Amino acid sequence: MPTIHVEMFEGRTLEQKREFVKAITEAAVKTLGSSPESVDVILTD
Protein backbone atom coordinates (compact mmCIF):
# COMPACT_ATOMS: atom_id res chain seq x y z
CA MET A 1 0.00 0.00 0.00
CA PRO A 2 2.02 2.99 -1.17
CA THR A 3 1.39 6.41 0.26
CA ILE A 4 2.74 9.14 -1.99
CA HIS A 5 3.29 12.64 -0.60
CA VAL A 6 3.51 15.52 -3.09
CA GLU A 7 4.36 19.07 -2.11
CA MET A 8 3.87 21.76 -4.72
CA PHE A 9 3.18 25.44 -5.03
CA GLU A 10 -0.45 26.38 -4.53
CA GLY A 11 -2.50 27.48 -7.50
CA ARG A 12 -3.39 24.27 -9.32
CA THR A 13 -7.02 23.80 -10.21
CA LEU A 14 -9.13 20.97 -8.86
CA GLU A 15 -9.18 19.44 -12.36
CA GLN A 16 -5.36 19.53 -12.56
CA LYS A 17 -5.15 17.82 -9.18
CA ARG A 18 -7.67 15.15 -10.27
CA GLU A 19 -5.65 14.38 -13.40
CA PHE A 20 -2.40 14.36 -11.46
CA VAL A 21 -3.52 11.93 -8.74
CA LYS A 22 -5.05 9.69 -11.40
CA ALA A 23 -1.73 9.60 -13.30
CA ILE A 24 0.26 8.94 -10.12
CA THR A 25 -2.11 6.15 -9.12
CA GLU A 26 -1.90 4.56 -12.57
CA ALA A 27 1.92 4.71 -12.43
CA ALA A 28 1.96 3.04 -9.01
CA VAL A 29 -0.38 0.31 -10.22
CA LYS A 30 1.74 -0.31 -13.32
CA THR A 31 5.18 -0.23 -11.71
CA LEU A 32 4.50 -1.55 -8.21
CA GLY A 33 1.66 -3.95 -8.90
CA SER A 34 -0.58 -2.16 -6.42
CA SER A 35 -4.33 -2.09 -6.69
CA PRO A 36 -5.73 1.40 -7.31
CA GLU A 37 -7.64 1.19 -4.03
CA SER A 38 -4.40 0.73 -2.08
CA VAL A 39 -2.67 3.85 -3.43
CA ASP A 40 -2.92 6.96 -1.27
CA VAL A 41 -1.81 10.34 -2.63
CA ILE A 42 -1.47 13.29 -0.27
CA LEU A 43 -1.19 16.69 -1.90
CA THR A 44 0.16 19.61 0.08
CA ASP A 45 -0.15 23.10 -1.36
All heavy atoms as atom14 arrays in JSON, in Angstrom:
{
  "sequence": "MPTIHVEMFEGRTLEQKREFVKAITEAAVKTLGSSPESVDVILTD",
  "atom14_mask": [
    [1, 1, 1, 1, 1, 1, 1, 1, 0, 0, 0, 0, 0, 0],
    [1, 1, 1, 1, 1, 1, 1, 0, 0, 0, 0, 0, 0, 0],
    [1, 1, 1, 1, 1, 1, 1, 0, 0, 0, 0, 0, 0, 0],
    [1, 1, 1, 1, 1, 1, 1, 1, 0, 0, 0, 0, 0, 0],
    [1, 1, 1, 1, 1, 1, 1, 1, 1, 1, 0, 0, 0, 0],
    [1, 1, 1, 1, 1, 1, 1, 0, 0, 0, 0, 0, 0, 0],
    [1, 1, 1, 1, 1, 1, 1, 1, 1, 0, 0, 0, 0, 0],
    [1, 1, 1, 1, 1, 1, 1, 1, 0, 0, 0, 0, 0, 0],
    [1, 1, 1, 1, 1, 1, 1, 1, 1, 1, 1, 0, 0, 0],
    [1, 1, 1, 1, 1, 1, 1, 1, 1, 0, 0, 0, 0, 0],
    [1, 1, 1, 1, 0, 0, 0, 0, 0, 0, 0, 0, 0, 0],
    [1, 1, 1, 1, 1, 1, 1, 1, 1, 1, 1, 0, 0, 0],
    [1, 1, 1, 1, 1, 1, 1, 0, 0, 0, 0, 0, 0, 0],
    [1, 1, 1, 1, 1, 1, 1, 1, 0, 0, 0, 0, 0, 0],
    [1, 1, 1, 1, 1, 1, 1, 1, 1, 0, 0, 0, 0, 0],
    [1, 1, 1, 1, 1, 1, 1, 1, 1, 0, 0, 0, 0, 0],
    [1, 1, 1, 1, 1, 1, 1, 1, 1, 0, 0, 0, 0, 0],
    [1, 1, 1, 1, 1, 1, 1, 1, 1, 1, 1, 0, 0, 0],
    [1, 1, 1, 1, 1, 1, 1, 1, 1, 0, 0, 0, 0, 0],
    [1, 1, 1, 1, 1, 1, 1, 1, 1, 1, 1, 0, 0, 0],
    [1, 1, 1, 1, 1, 1, 1, 0, 0, 0, 0, 0, 0, 0],
    [1, 1, 1, 1, 1, 1, 1, 1, 1, 0, 0, 0, 0, 0],
    [1, 1, 1, 1, 1, 0, 0, 0, 0, 0, 0, 0, 0, 0],
    [1, 1, 1, 1, 1, 1, 1, 1, 0, 0, 0, 0, 0, 0],
    [1, 1, 1, 1, 1, 1, 1, 0, 0, 0, 0, 0, 0, 0],
    [1, 1, 1, 1, 1, 1, 1, 1, 1, 0, 0, 0, 0, 0],
    [1, 1, 1, 1, 1, 0, 0, 0, 0, 0, 0, 0, 0, 0],
    [1, 1, 1, 1, 1, 0, 0, 0, 0, 0, 0, 0, 0, 0],
    [1, 1, 1, 1, 1, 1, 1, 0, 0, 0, 0, 0, 0, 0],
    [1, 1, 1, 1, 1, 1, 1, 1, 1, 0, 0, 0, 0, 0],
    [1, 1, 1, 1, 1, 1, 1, 0, 0, 0, 0, 0, 0, 0],
    [1, 1, 1, 1, 1, 1, 1, 1, 0, 0, 0, 0, 0, 0],
    [1, 1, 1, 1, 0, 0, 0, 0, 0, 0, 0, 0, 0, 0],
    [1, 1, 1, 1, 1, 1, 0, 0, 0, 0, 0, 0, 0, 0],
    [1, 1, 1, 1, 1, 1, 0, 0, 0, 0, 0, 0, 0, 0],
    [1, 1, 1, 1, 1, 1, 1, 0, 0, 0, 0, 0, 0, 0],
    [1, 1, 1, 1, 1, 1, 1, 1, 1, 0, 0, 0, 0, 0],
    [1, 1, 1, 1, 1, 1, 0, 0, 0, 0, 0, 0, 0, 0],
    [1, 1, 1, 1, 1, 1, 1, 0, 0, 0, 0, 0, 0, 0],
    [1, 1, 1, 1, 1, 1, 1, 1, 0, 0, 0, 0, 0, 0],
    [1, 1, 1, 1, 1, 1, 1, 0, 0, 0, 0, 0, 0, 0],
    [1, 1, 1, 1, 1, 1, 1, 1, 0, 0, 0, 0, 0, 0],
    [1, 1, 1, 1, 1, 1, 1, 1, 0, 0, 0, 0, 0, 0],
    [1, 1, 1, 1, 1, 1, 1, 0, 0, 0, 0, 0, 0, 0],
    [1, 1, 1, 1, 1, 1, 1, 1, 0, 0, 0, 0, 0, 0]
  ],
  "atom14_positions": [
    [[0.85, -1.18, 0.0], [0.0, 0.0, 0.0], [0.89, 1.24, 0.0], [1.32, 1.69, 1.06], [-0.9, -0.04, 1.22], [-1.5, 1.28, 1.58], [-2.77, 1.16, 2.82], [-1.89, 1.66, 4.25], [0.0, 0.0, 0.0], [0.0, 0.0, 0.0], [0.0, 0.0, 0.0], [0.0, 0.0, 0.0], [0.0, 0.0, 0.0], [0.0, 0.0, 0.0]],
    [[1.2, 1.79, -1.16], [2.02, 2.99, -1.17], [1.24, 4.23, -0.78], [0.07, 4.39, -1.14], [2.52, 3.08, -2.61], [1.5, 2.36, -3.41], [0.94, 1.29, -2.52], [0.0, 0.0, 0.0], [0.0, 0.0, 0.0], [0.0, 0.0, 0.0], [0.0, 0.0, 0.0], [0.0, 0.0, 0.0], [0.0, 0.0, 0.0], [0.0, 0.0, 0.0]],
    [[1.9, 5.08, -0.03], [1.39, 6.41, 0.26], [2.37, 7.39, -0.35], [3.56, 7.38, -0.02], [1.28, 6.66, 1.78], [0.38, 5.69, 2.32], [0.74, 8.06, 2.06], [0.0, 0.0, 0.0], [0.0, 0.0, 0.0], [0.0, 0.0, 0.0], [0.0, 0.0, 0.0], [0.0, 0.0, 0.0], [0.0, 0.0, 0.0], [0.0, 0.0, 0.0]],
    [[1.89, 8.22, -1.24], [2.74, 9.14, -1.99], [2.42, 10.56, -1.56], [1.28, 11.02, -1.67], [2.51, 8.96, -3.51], [2.81, 7.51, -3.89], [3.37, 9.94, -4.3], [2.22, 7.07, -5.2], [0.0, 0.0, 0.0], [0.0, 0.0, 0.0], [0.0, 0.0, 0.0], [0.0, 0.0, 0.0], [0.0, 0.0, 0.0], [0.0, 0.0, 0.0]],
    [[3.44, 11.25, -1.05], [3.29, 12.64, -0.6], [3.85, 13.56, -1.69], [4.99, 13.38, -2.12], [4.06, 12.89, 0.69], [3.55, 12.12, 1.86], [2.74, 12.68, 2.81], [3.73, 10.83, 2.23], [2.45, 11.76, 3.71], [3.04, 10.63, 3.38], [0.0, 0.0, 0.0], [0.0, 0.0, 0.0], [0.0, 0.0, 0.0], [0.0, 0.0, 0.0]],
    [[3.07, 14.56, -2.08], [3.51, 15.52, -3.09], [3.34, 16.92, -2.54], [2.23, 17.3, -2.14], [2.7, 15.37, -4.4], [3.15, 16.39, -5.43], [2.78, 13.96, -4.94], [0.0, 0.0, 0.0], [0.0, 0.0, 0.0], [0.0, 0.0, 0.0], [0.0, 0.0, 0.0], [0.0, 0.0, 0.0], [0.0, 0.0, 0.0], [0.0, 0.0, 0.0]],
    [[4.42, 17.67, -2.51], [4.36, 19.07, -2.11], [4.59, 19.91, -3.35], [5.5, 19.62, -4.12], [5.42, 19.37, -1.05], [5.17, 18.63, 0.24], [6.21, 18.92, 1.3], [6.91, 19.94, 1.2], [6.31, 18.12, 2.24], [0.0, 0.0, 0.0], [0.0, 0.0, 0.0], [0.0, 0.0, 0.0], [0.0, 0.0, 0.0], [0.0, 0.0, 0.0]],
    [[3.75, 20.9, -3.55], [3.87, 21.76, -4.72], [3.31, 23.13, -4.4], [2.58, 23.31, -3.43], [3.14, 21.14, -5.91], [1.67, 20.9, -5.69], [0.98, 19.99, -7.08], [-0.65, 19.66, -6.49], [0.0, 0.0, 0.0], [0.0, 0.0, 0.0], [0.0, 0.0, 0.0], [0.0, 0.0, 0.0], [0.0, 0.0, 0.0], [0.0, 0.0, 0.0]],
    [[3.71, 24.09, -5.23], [3.18, 25.44, -5.03], [1.67, 25.44, -5.21], [1.13, 24.73, -6.07], [3.8, 26.43, -6.0], [5.26, 26.69, -5.74], [6.16, 26.75, -6.77], [5.72, 26.89, -4.45], [7.5, 27.0, -6.54], [7.06, 27.14, -4.2], [7.95, 27.18, -5.25], [0.0, 0.0, 0.0], [0.0, 0.0, 0.0], [0.0, 0.0, 0.0]],
    [[1.0, 26.25, -4.41], [-0.45, 26.38, -4.53], [-0.79, 27.02, -5.87], [0.05, 27.62, -6.52], [-1.0, 27.22, -3.38], [-0.49, 28.64, -3.35], [-0.96, 29.41, -2.13], [-1.73, 28.88, -1.32], [-0.54, 30.56, -1.99], [0.0, 0.0, 0.0], [0.0, 0.0, 0.0], [0.0, 0.0, 0.0], [0.0, 0.0, 0.0], [0.0, 0.0, 0.0]],
    [[-2.03, 26.83, -6.28], [-2.5, 27.48, -7.5], [-3.03, 26.53, -8.56], [-3.57, 26.97, -9.56], [0.0, 0.0, 0.0], [0.0, 0.0, 0.0], [0.0, 0.0, 0.0], [0.0, 0.0, 0.0], [0.0, 0.0, 0.0], [0.0, 0.0, 0.0], [0.0, 0.0, 0.0], [0.0, 0.0, 0.0], [0.0, 0.0, 0.0], [0.0, 0.0, 0.0]],
    [[-2.85, 25.22, -8.35], [-3.39, 24.27, -9.32], [-4.9, 24.18, -9.16], [-5.43, 24.31, -8.06], [-2.8, 22.88, -9.11], [-1.49, 22.57, -9.82], [-0.43, 23.55, -9.56], [0.84, 23.16, -10.17], [1.98, 23.3, -9.57], [2.05, 23.78, -8.34], [3.11, 23.0, -10.19], [0.0, 0.0, 0.0], [0.0, 0.0, 0.0], [0.0, 0.0, 0.0]],
    [[-5.57, 23.94, -10.26], [-7.02, 23.8, -10.21], [-7.39, 22.41, -9.7], [-6.56, 21.5, -9.69], [-7.65, 23.99, -11.6], [-7.23, 22.9, -12.45], [-7.27, 25.33, -12.22], [0.0, 0.0, 0.0], [0.0, 0.0, 0.0], [0.0, 0.0, 0.0], [0.0, 0.0, 0.0], [0.0, 0.0, 0.0], [0.0, 0.0, 0.0], [0.0, 0.0, 0.0]],
    [[-8.63, 22.26, -9.3], [-9.13, 20.97, -8.86], [-9.01, 19.95, -9.99], [-8.63, 18.79, -9.76], [-10.58, 21.1, -8.38], [-11.18, 19.92, -7.66], [-10.35, 19.51, -6.45], [-12.6, 20.23, -7.25], [0.0, 0.0, 0.0], [0.0, 0.0, 0.0], [0.0, 0.0, 0.0], [0.0, 0.0, 0.0], [0.0, 0.0, 0.0], [0.0, 0.0, 0.0]],
    [[-9.29, 20.36, -11.21], [-9.18, 19.44, -12.36], [-7.72, 18.99, -12.56], [-7.47, 17.81, -12.84], [-9.72, 20.1, -13.62], [-9.71, 19.18, -14.84], [-10.48, 17.87, -14.65], [-11.49, 17.85, -13.92], [-10.05, 16.86, -15.23], [0.0, 0.0, 0.0], [0.0, 0.0, 0.0], [0.0, 0.0, 0.0], [0.0, 0.0, 0.0], [0.0, 0.0, 0.0]],
    [[-6.77, 19.9, -12.44], [-5.36, 19.53, -12.56], [-4.98, 18.52, -11.49], [-4.27, 17.55, -11.76], [-4.46, 20.76, -12.45], [-4.5, 21.66, -13.65], [-3.73, 22.94, -13.42], [-3.86, 23.59, -12.37], [-2.92, 23.32, -14.4], [0.0, 0.0, 0.0], [0.0, 0.0, 0.0], [0.0, 0.0, 0.0], [0.0, 0.0, 0.0], [0.0, 0.0, 0.0]],
    [[-5.46, 18.74, -10.27], [-5.15, 17.82, -9.18], [-5.78, 16.45, -9.44], [-5.16, 15.41, -9.2], [-5.63, 18.38, -7.85], [-4.82, 19.57, -7.38], [-5.35, 20.1, -6.07], [-4.59, 21.32, -5.6], [-5.08, 21.81, -4.3], [0.0, 0.0, 0.0], [0.0, 0.0, 0.0], [0.0, 0.0, 0.0], [0.0, 0.0, 0.0], [0.0, 0.0, 0.0]],
    [[-7.01, 16.43, -9.94], [-7.67, 15.15, -10.27], [-6.85, 14.37, -11.28], [-6.62, 13.17, -11.13], [-9.06, 15.4, -10.85], [-10.12, 15.64, -9.84], [-11.51, 15.62, -10.52], [-12.48, 16.18, -9.63], [-13.03, 17.39, -9.77], [-12.73, 18.15, -10.8], [-13.91, 17.83, -8.89], [0.0, 0.0, 0.0], [0.0, 0.0, 0.0], [0.0, 0.0, 0.0]],
    [[-6.43, 15.04, -12.35], [-5.65, 14.38, -13.4], [-4.31, 13.9, -12.86], [-3.84, 12.81, -13.21], [-5.43, 15.33, -14.57], [-6.69, 15.61, -15.37], [-6.44, 16.55, -16.54], [-5.34, 16.51, -17.12], [-7.36, 17.32, -16.88], [0.0, 0.0, 0.0], [0.0, 0.0, 0.0], [0.0, 0.0, 0.0], [0.0, 0.0, 0.0], [0.0, 0.0, 0.0]],
    [[-3.7, 14.7, -12.02], [-2.4, 14.36, -11.46], [-2.47, 13.13, -10.56], [-1.67, 12.19, -10.72], [-1.85, 15.57, -10.69], [-0.45, 15.39, -10.18], [0.6, 15.12, -11.04], [-0.17, 15.53, -8.83], [1.9, 14.97, -10.56], [1.12, 15.38, -8.35], [2.15, 15.1, -9.22], [0.0, 0.0, 0.0], [0.0, 0.0, 0.0], [0.0, 0.0, 0.0]],
    [[-3.43, 13.09, -9.64], [-3.52, 11.93, -8.74], [-3.93, 10.68, -9.5], [-3.5, 9.57, -9.16], [-4.46, 12.18, -7.53], [-3.92, 13.31, -6.67], [-5.88, 12.44, -7.93], [0.0, 0.0, 0.0], [0.0, 0.0, 0.0], [0.0, 0.0, 0.0], [0.0, 0.0, 0.0], [0.0, 0.0, 0.0], [0.0, 0.0, 0.0], [0.0, 0.0, 0.0]],
    [[-4.7, 10.84, -10.56], [-5.05, 9.69, -11.4], [-3.8, 9.14, -12.07], [-3.56, 7.93, -12.08], [-6.09, 10.09, -12.45], [-6.52, 8.94, -13.33], [-7.58, 9.37, -14.33], [-7.95, 8.2, -15.23], [-8.89, 8.59, -16.29], [0.0, 0.0, 0.0], [0.0, 0.0, 0.0], [0.0, 0.0, 0.0], [0.0, 0.0, 0.0], [0.0, 0.0, 0.0]],
    [[-2.95, 10.03, -12.62], [-1.73, 9.6, -13.3], [-0.76, 8.95, -12.31], [-0.13, 7.93, -12.64], [-1.07, 10.79, -14.0], [0.0, 0.0, 0.0], [0.0, 0.0, 0.0], [0.0, 0.0, 0.0], [0.0, 0.0, 0.0], [0.0, 0.0, 0.0], [0.0, 0.0, 0.0], [0.0, 0.0, 0.0], [0.0, 0.0, 0.0], [0.0, 0.0, 0.0]],
    [[-0.63, 9.53, -11.13], [0.26, 8.94, -10.12], [-0.23, 7.56, -9.71], [0.54, 6.61, -9.58], [0.35, 9.86, -8.87], [1.11, 11.13, -9.21], [1.02, 9.13, -7.71], [1.09, 12.15, -8.1], [0.0, 0.0, 0.0], [0.0, 0.0, 0.0], [0.0, 0.0, 0.0], [0.0, 0.0, 0.0], [0.0, 0.0, 0.0], [0.0, 0.0, 0.0]],
    [[-1.52, 7.44, -9.51], [-2.11, 6.15, -9.12], [-1.87, 5.12, -10.21], [-1.46, 3.98, -9.93], [-3.61, 6.31, -8.82], [-3.77, 7.25, -7.75], [-4.23, 4.98, -8.44], [0.0, 0.0, 0.0], [0.0, 0.0, 0.0], [0.0, 0.0, 0.0], [0.0, 0.0, 0.0], [0.0, 0.0, 0.0], [0.0, 0.0, 0.0], [0.0, 0.0, 0.0]],
    [[-2.1, 5.49, -11.46], [-1.9, 4.56, -12.57], [-0.43, 4.13, -12.65], [-0.14, 2.96, -12.92], [-2.35, 5.19, -13.88], [-3.85, 5.32, -13.99], [-4.33, 6.15, -15.18], [-3.49, 6.74, -15.91], [-5.56, 6.2, -15.38], [0.0, 0.0, 0.0], [0.0, 0.0, 0.0], [0.0, 0.0, 0.0], [0.0, 0.0, 0.0], [0.0, 0.0, 0.0]],
    [[0.49, 5.06, -12.4], [1.92, 4.71, -12.43], [2.27, 3.74, -11.31], [3.04, 2.8, -11.52], [2.76, 5.98, -12.33], [0.0, 0.0, 0.0], [0.0, 0.0, 0.0], [0.0, 0.0, 0.0], [0.0, 0.0, 0.0], [0.0, 0.0, 0.0], [0.0, 0.0, 0.0], [0.0, 0.0, 0.0], [0.0, 0.0, 0.0], [0.0, 0.0, 0.0]],
    [[1.7, 3.94, -10.14], [1.96, 3.04, -9.01], [1.4, 1.64, -9.3], [2.06, 0.63, -9.01], [1.36, 3.6, -7.72], [0.0, 0.0, 0.0], [0.0, 0.0, 0.0], [0.0, 0.0, 0.0], [0.0, 0.0, 0.0], [0.0, 0.0, 0.0], [0.0, 0.0, 0.0], [0.0, 0.0, 0.0], [0.0, 0.0, 0.0], [0.0, 0.0, 0.0]],
    [[0.23, 1.6, -9.88], [-0.38, 0.31, -10.22], [0.5, -0.43, -11.24], [0.79, -1.62, -11.09], [-1.81, 0.51, -10.76], [-2.35, -0.76, -11.39], [-2.74, 1.0, -9.64], [0.0, 0.0, 0.0], [0.0, 0.0, 0.0], [0.0, 0.0, 0.0], [0.0, 0.0, 0.0], [0.0, 0.0, 0.0], [0.0, 0.0, 0.0], [0.0, 0.0, 0.0]],
    [[0.94, 0.3, -12.25], [1.74, -0.31, -13.32], [3.12, -0.76, -12.84], [3.56, -1.85, -13.16], [1.9, 0.69, -14.47], [2.71, 0.17, -15.62], [2.83, 1.19, -16.73], [3.71, 0.68, -17.87], [3.87, 1.66, -18.93], [0.0, 0.0, 0.0], [0.0, 0.0, 0.0], [0.0, 0.0, 0.0], [0.0, 0.0, 0.0], [0.0, 0.0, 0.0]],
    [[3.79, 0.08, -12.08], [5.18, -0.23, -11.71], [5.33, -1.03, -10.43], [6.3, -1.77, -10.27], [6.02, 1.06, -11.59], [5.45, 1.91, -10.6], [6.07, 1.8, -12.91], [0.0, 0.0, 0.0], [0.0, 0.0, 0.0], [0.0, 0.0, 0.0], [0.0, 0.0, 0.0], [0.0, 0.0, 0.0], [0.0, 0.0, 0.0], [0.0, 0.0, 0.0]],
    [[4.4, -0.87, -9.5], [4.5, -1.55, -8.21], [3.57, -2.74, -8.06], [3.67, -3.49, -7.09], [4.23, -0.55, -7.07], [5.12, 0.68, -7.01], [4.67, 1.6, -5.9], [6.58, 0.28, -6.84], [0.0, 0.0, 0.0], [0.0, 0.0, 0.0], [0.0, 0.0, 0.0], [0.0, 0.0, 0.0], [0.0, 0.0, 0.0], [0.0, 0.0, 0.0]],
    [[2.62, -2.86, -9.0], [1.66, -3.95, -8.9], [0.61, -3.73, -7.83], [-0.03, -4.67, -7.38], [0.0, 0.0, 0.0], [0.0, 0.0, 0.0], [0.0, 0.0, 0.0], [0.0, 0.0, 0.0], [0.0, 0.0, 0.0], [0.0, 0.0, 0.0], [0.0, 0.0, 0.0], [0.0, 0.0, 0.0], [0.0, 0.0, 0.0], [0.0, 0.0, 0.0]],
    [[0.43, -2.5, -7.44], [-0.58, -2.16, -6.42], [-1.97, -2.16, -7.04], [-2.12, -1.99, -8.25], [-0.31, -0.77, -5.86], [0.98, -0.68, -5.32], [0.0, 0.0, 0.0], [0.0, 0.0, 0.0], [0.0, 0.0, 0.0], [0.0, 0.0, 0.0], [0.0, 0.0, 0.0], [0.0, 0.0, 0.0], [0.0, 0.0, 0.0], [0.0, 0.0, 0.0]],
    [[-2.97, -2.31, -6.21], [-4.33, -2.09, -6.69], [-4.61, -0.6, -6.54], [-4.06, 0.05, -5.64], [-5.34, -2.89, -5.87], [-5.41, -2.39, -4.55], [0.0, 0.0, 0.0], [0.0, 0.0, 0.0], [0.0, 0.0, 0.0], [0.0, 0.0, 0.0], [0.0, 0.0, 0.0], [0.0, 0.0, 0.0], [0.0, 0.0, 0.0], [0.0, 0.0, 0.0]],
    [[-5.43, -0.03, -7.42], [-5.73, 1.4, -7.31], [-6.26, 1.79, -5.93], [-5.95, 2.86, -5.42], [-6.78, 1.64, -8.39], [-6.59, 0.54, -9.37], [-6.11, -0.65, -8.56], [0.0, 0.0, 0.0], [0.0, 0.0, 0.0], [0.0, 0.0, 0.0], [0.0, 0.0, 0.0], [0.0, 0.0, 0.0], [0.0, 0.0, 0.0], [0.0, 0.0, 0.0]],
    [[-7.04, 0.9, -5.33], [-7.64, 1.19, -4.03], [-6.61, 1.26, -2.9], [-6.9, 1.79, -1.83], [-8.7, 0.15, -3.69], [-9.87, 0.12, -4.65], [-9.57, -0.6, -5.97], [-8.62, -1.4, -6.04], [-10.28, -0.33, -6.95], [0.0, 0.0, 0.0], [0.0, 0.0, 0.0], [0.0, 0.0, 0.0], [0.0, 0.0, 0.0], [0.0, 0.0, 0.0]],
    [[-5.42, 0.73, -3.14], [-4.4, 0.73, -2.08], [-3.45, 1.92, -2.17], [-2.6, 2.09, -1.3], [-3.59, -0.57, -2.12], [-2.75, -0.58, -3.25], [0.0, 0.0, 0.0], [0.0, 0.0, 0.0], [0.0, 0.0, 0.0], [0.0, 0.0, 0.0], [0.0, 0.0, 0.0], [0.0, 0.0, 0.0], [0.0, 0.0, 0.0], [0.0, 0.0, 0.0]],
    [[-3.58, 2.73, -3.21], [-2.67, 3.85, -3.43], [-3.26, 5.12, -2.81], [-4.35, 5.56, -3.19], [-2.4, 4.08, -4.93], [-1.47, 5.26, -5.14], [-1.83, 2.82, -5.58], [0.0, 0.0, 0.0], [0.0, 0.0, 0.0], [0.0, 0.0, 0.0], [0.0, 0.0, 0.0], [0.0, 0.0, 0.0], [0.0, 0.0, 0.0], [0.0, 0.0, 0.0]],
    [[-2.53, 5.68, -1.86], [-2.92, 6.96, -1.27], [-2.0, 8.04, -1.8], [-0.79, 7.85, -1.87], [-2.79, 6.93, 0.26], [-3.82, 6.02, 0.9], [-4.98, 6.03, 0.46], [-3.46, 5.31, 1.85], [0.0, 0.0, 0.0], [0.0, 0.0, 0.0], [0.0, 0.0, 0.0], [0.0, 0.0, 0.0], [0.0, 0.0, 0.0], [0.0, 0.0, 0.0]],
    [[-2.59, 9.18, -2.18], [-1.81, 10.34, -2.63], [-2.2, 11.51, -1.76], [-3.39, 11.84, -1.64], [-2.07, 10.67, -4.12], [-1.24, 11.86, -4.55], [-1.79, 9.46, -5.01], [0.0, 0.0, 0.0], [0.0, 0.0, 0.0], [0.0, 0.0, 0.0], [0.0, 0.0, 0.0], [0.0, 0.0, 0.0], [0.0, 0.0, 0.0], [0.0, 0.0, 0.0]],
    [[-1.22, 12.13, -1.13], [-1.47, 13.29, -0.27], [-0.84, 14.5, -0.93], [0.38, 14.54, -1.14], [-0.89, 13.06, 1.14], [-1.54, 11.84, 1.78], [-1.06, 14.32, 1.99], [-0.88, 11.4, 3.07], [0.0, 0.0, 0.0], [0.0, 0.0, 0.0], [0.0, 0.0, 0.0], [0.0, 0.0, 0.0], [0.0, 0.0, 0.0], [0.0, 0.0, 0.0]],
    [[-1.66, 15.46, -1.28], [-1.19, 16.69, -1.9], [-1.11, 17.79, -0.84], [-2.06, 17.99, -0.08], [-2.14, 17.15, -3.01], [-2.38, 16.17, -4.15], [-3.41, 16.75, -5.13], [-1.1, 15.84, -4.87], [0.0, 0.0, 0.0], [0.0, 0.0, 0.0], [0.0, 0.0, 0.0], [0.0, 0.0, 0.0], [0.0, 0.0, 0.0], [0.0, 0.0, 0.0]],
    [[0.0, 18.49, -0.83], [0.16, 19.61, 0.08], [0.49, 20.84, -0.73], [1.49, 20.87, -1.45], [1.3, 19.34, 1.1], [1.02, 18.14, 1.81], [1.44, 20.5, 2.06], [0.0, 0.0, 0.0], [0.0, 0.0, 0.0], [0.0, 0.0, 0.0], [0.0, 0.0, 0.0], [0.0, 0.0, 0.0], [0.0, 0.0, 0.0], [0.0, 0.0, 0.0]],
    [[-0.39, 21.82, -0.68], [-0.15, 23.1, -1.36], [0.7, 23.97, -0.44], [0.41, 24.12, 0.74], [-1.48, 23.82, -1.64], [-2.25, 23.21, -2.78], [-1.65, 22.5, -3.6], [-3.47, 23.44, -2.87], [0.0, 0.0, 0.0], [0.0, 0.0, 0.0], [0.0, 0.0, 0.0], [0.0, 0.0, 0.0], [0.0, 0.0, 0.0], [0.0, 0.0, 0.0]]
  ]
}
